[in-house]
Amino acid sequence: MLLKINEELNVDASPEDVWKLLRDTPRLAALLPGVENVTPLNEPGVEAYQAKASDKIGPFKVALNMEIRVAEAHEPSFLEASVKGGDSIGLNRITGSLHIMLSPASSATRMRFEADIEILGKLATLGAVPIRRRGTEKFAEFARNVQAQFAPDVRANLRTQSTKDRR
């Protein structure tokens, strides 16, 4: 099953600040619902990560071991990554690509996400509608998490922490 996802989000921050979030892998991973154990693969000359993603979609509880490779990054406006993974017993697999584009939008930054994902296995038997619906729910949760990172009280805490780190 092929799945195309297109989502947009406006964030009350500059493109440079949003870019810093995108490039801070531990911080970003903490904002992604269902994603845990993100670790760098430490391959010379390659930016790649290993992660575990889990969710319940319809009657299926899915836990996927994922590999994410950054294919292209143009600060502060474009990030492309490839994604592949599967469950531990080989019943479900996914492969695909993700594009994130940042652009100024009045006093905010517009984040545009495009993903082309191929889903194979038992999960694909659910069909595109429930999977797309679940993806939309997860993106909405991610969007709330990202927007909360740029709330005034969080920004103040980040500045205070940054000042402490420099001491």
Protein backbone atom coordinates (compact mmCIF):
# COMPACT_ATOMS: atom_id res chain seq x y z
CA MET A 1 0.00 0.00 0.00
CA LEU A 2 1.34 3.44 -0.95
CA LEU A 3 0.53 6.34 1.34
CA LYS A 4 1.14 10.05 0.65
CA ILE A 5 1.03 12.42 3.58
CA ASN A 6 1.03 16.22 3.26
CA GLU A 7 0.72 18.34 6.39
CA GLU A 8 1.44 21.97 7.30
CA LEU A 9 2.09 23.67 10.58
CA ASN A 10 2.71 27.31 11.55
CA VAL A 11 5.18 27.79 14.39
CA ASP A 12 5.69 31.05 16.32
CA ALA A 13 9.45 31.12 15.80
CA SER A 14 11.99 32.10 13.19
CA PRO A 15 13.03 29.58 10.53
CA GLU A 16 16.48 29.48 12.18
CA ASP A 17 15.00 28.52 15.56
CA VAL A 18 12.75 25.87 14.01
CA TRP A 19 15.76 24.55 12.08
CA LYS A 20 17.71 24.23 15.35
CA LEU A 21 14.88 22.07 16.69
CA LEU A 22 14.86 19.89 13.57
CA ARG A 23 18.61 19.34 13.85
CA ASP A 24 18.58 18.57 17.60
CA THR A 25 17.78 14.88 17.26
CA PRO A 26 17.21 14.02 20.96
CA ARG A 27 14.95 17.04 21.44
CA LEU A 28 13.02 16.39 18.21
CA ALA A 29 12.64 12.66 18.94
CA ALA A 30 11.06 13.48 22.31
CA LEU A 31 8.32 15.38 20.43
CA LEU A 32 7.44 12.49 18.08
CA PRO A 33 4.57 10.41 19.51
CA GLY A 34 5.39 6.72 19.76
CA VAL A 35 9.09 7.16 18.96
CA GLU A 36 11.71 6.03 21.44
CA ASN A 37 15.32 4.90 21.70
CA VAL A 38 16.73 7.14 18.96
CA THR A 39 20.46 6.53 18.58
CA PRO A 40 22.98 7.55 15.93
CA LEU A 41 24.29 4.75 13.71
CA ASN A 42 27.82 6.23 13.70
CA GLU A 43 28.57 5.46 10.07
CA PRO A 44 31.41 7.66 8.73
CA GLY A 45 30.16 10.37 6.37
CA VAL A 46 26.49 9.47 6.87
CA GLU A 47 23.88 11.00 9.16
CA ALA A 48 21.71 8.06 10.15
CA TYR A 49 19.70 7.01 13.19
CA GLN A 50 18.09 3.92 14.58
CA ALA A 51 14.78 4.25 16.44
CA LYS A 52 11.86 2.24 17.69
CA ALA A 53 8.33 3.39 16.83
CA SER A 54 5.20 1.83 18.26
CA ASP A 55 1.49 2.46 17.95
CA LYS A 56 -1.89 0.79 17.91
CA ILE A 57 -3.76 1.04 14.62
CA GLY A 58 -7.11 -0.69 14.47
CA PRO A 59 -6.69 -4.18 15.92
CA PHE A 60 -2.90 -4.16 15.44
CA LYS A 61 -0.29 -3.12 17.97
CA VAL A 62 2.82 -2.41 15.93
CA ALA A 63 6.42 -1.95 17.06
CA LEU A 64 8.84 -1.14 14.26
CA ASN A 65 12.61 -0.96 14.34
CA MET A 66 13.38 1.99 12.09
CA GLU A 67 16.38 3.38 10.27
CA ILE A 68 16.32 7.05 9.29
CA ARG A 69 18.97 8.47 6.95
CA VAL A 70 19.30 12.17 6.26
CA ALA A 71 19.78 12.42 2.50
CA GLU A 72 19.92 16.19 2.13
CA ALA A 73 19.85 19.24 4.40
CA HIS A 74 19.88 22.91 3.38
CA GLU A 75 19.94 25.18 6.41
CA PRO A 76 17.44 26.61 7.36
CA SER A 77 14.83 25.53 4.85
CA PHE A 78 14.94 21.91 3.62
CA LEU A 79 15.52 18.45 5.05
CA GLU A 80 15.09 15.15 3.23
CA ALA A 81 15.34 11.73 4.86
CA SER A 82 14.71 8.13 3.93
CA VAL A 83 12.93 5.80 6.31
CA LYS A 84 12.80 2.03 6.43
CA GLY A 85 11.90 -0.46 9.05
CA GLY A 86 10.03 -3.51 10.11
CA ASP A 87 8.78 -5.42 13.08
CA SER A 88 10.88 -8.08 14.78
CA ILE A 89 9.07 -11.00 13.11
CA GLY A 90 8.83 -9.57 9.60
CA LEU A 91 5.04 -9.24 9.38
CA ASN A 92 5.09 -5.48 8.79
CA ARG A 93 7.54 -3.31 6.84
CA ILE A 94 7.70 0.27 5.72
CA THR A 95 9.97 2.24 3.39
CA GLY A 96 9.73 5.77 2.20
CA SER A 97 10.94 9.32 2.13
CA LEU A 98 10.21 12.42 4.15
CA HIS A 99 10.65 16.06 3.11
CA ILE A 100 10.42 18.98 5.52
CA MET A 101 10.37 22.51 4.13
CA LEU A 102 10.55 25.66 6.26
CA SER A 103 9.54 29.09 5.01
CA PRO A 104 8.88 32.44 6.68
CA ALA A 105 5.20 33.26 7.23
CA SER A 106 4.64 36.75 8.72
CA SER A 107 5.90 36.44 12.33
CA ALA A 108 6.01 32.65 12.19
CA THR A 109 7.54 29.78 10.24
CA ARG A 110 5.53 27.47 8.01
CA MET A 111 6.63 23.83 8.28
CA ARG A 112 5.49 21.66 5.39
CA PHE A 113 5.81 17.88 5.67
CA GLU A 114 5.55 15.54 2.72
CA ALA A 115 5.97 11.80 3.08
CA ASP A 116 5.71 8.98 0.58
CA ILE A 117 5.48 5.71 2.47
CA GLU A 118 5.07 2.14 1.26
CA ILE A 119 3.48 -0.14 3.84
CA LEU A 120 3.78 -3.91 3.47
CA GLY A 121 2.44 -6.77 5.52
CA LYS A 122 -0.49 -7.21 7.87
CA LEU A 123 -0.66 -3.50 8.59
CA ALA A 124 -1.35 -2.81 4.91
CA THR A 125 -4.50 -4.96 5.10
CA LEU A 126 -6.16 -2.20 7.14
CA GLY A 127 -6.15 0.05 4.07
CA ALA A 128 -5.20 3.66 3.58
CA VAL A 129 -8.15 5.32 5.35
CA PRO A 130 -7.49 4.15 8.96
CA ILE A 131 -3.74 4.49 8.54
CA ARG A 132 -4.06 8.01 7.14
CA ARG A 133 -6.48 8.93 9.95
CA ARG A 134 -4.02 7.64 12.56
CA GLY A 135 -1.19 9.51 10.83
CA THR A 136 -3.22 12.72 10.94
CA GLU A 137 -3.87 12.21 14.68
CA LYS A 138 -0.17 11.59 15.33
CA PHE A 139 0.83 14.64 13.27
CA ALA A 140 -1.61 16.81 15.27
CA GLU A 141 0.00 15.60 18.49
CA PHE A 142 3.47 16.27 17.06
CA ALA A 143 2.32 19.76 15.95
CA ARG A 144 1.11 20.55 19.49
CA ASN A 145 4.44 19.35 20.89
CA VAL A 146 6.44 21.49 18.45
CA GLN A 147 4.32 24.59 19.08
CA ALA A 148 4.73 24.10 22.83
CA GLN A 149 8.52 24.25 22.35
CA PHE A 150 8.17 27.85 21.23
CA ALA A 151 5.67 29.00 23.85
CA PRO A 152 6.96 32.09 25.75
CA ASP A 153 7.56 30.23 29.05
CA VAL A 154 9.48 27.42 27.30
CA ARG A 155 11.64 29.94 25.41
CA ALA A 156 12.53 31.64 28.70
CA ASN A 157 13.51 28.29 30.22
CA LEU A 158 15.62 27.42 27.16
CA ARG A 159 17.43 30.79 27.36
CA THR A 160 18.04 30.29 31.09
CA GLN A 161 19.33 26.76 30.48
CA SER A 162 21.55 27.99 27.64
CA THR A 163 23.03 30.67 29.93
CA LYS A 164 23.71 28.04 32.62
CA ASP A 165 25.35 25.74 30.07
CA ARG A 166 27.82 28.47 29.08
CA ARG A 167 29.02 28.93 32.68
